[in-house]
């Protein structure tokens, strides 16, 4: 049985990092885990469409706001909010804690 992880990239840019991050995941995750990374859809006002977060196992906010609304929009599958670089001040760590979600700047917290 393959465990599937759905990762949503919330940022407007830095999309060139997605293939690099995908390759790193392939190398580090066990063979029974398959991870996909998708980019969050945006509204006509250039805001994140909350429905595009639904079903995510992991959110990568980059520099986007990630508070209670975004965490709830992702749904019950969400386990981790991961910031791959410094500057994770837009992640509401208190909301993560209250909703039982991990918040980290280290990929090594993923353990399935």
Foldseek 3Di string as FASTA:
>chain_A
DAAEAEEEEEDPDPVVCQVVVLVVCVVPPDPSYHYDYDYFDADPVRHGDLLSLDCHQEYADAQHAAALSSVPSNPDNHAEYEHCDPDPPNYPVVSCVVVNHYYYNDPVVDDD
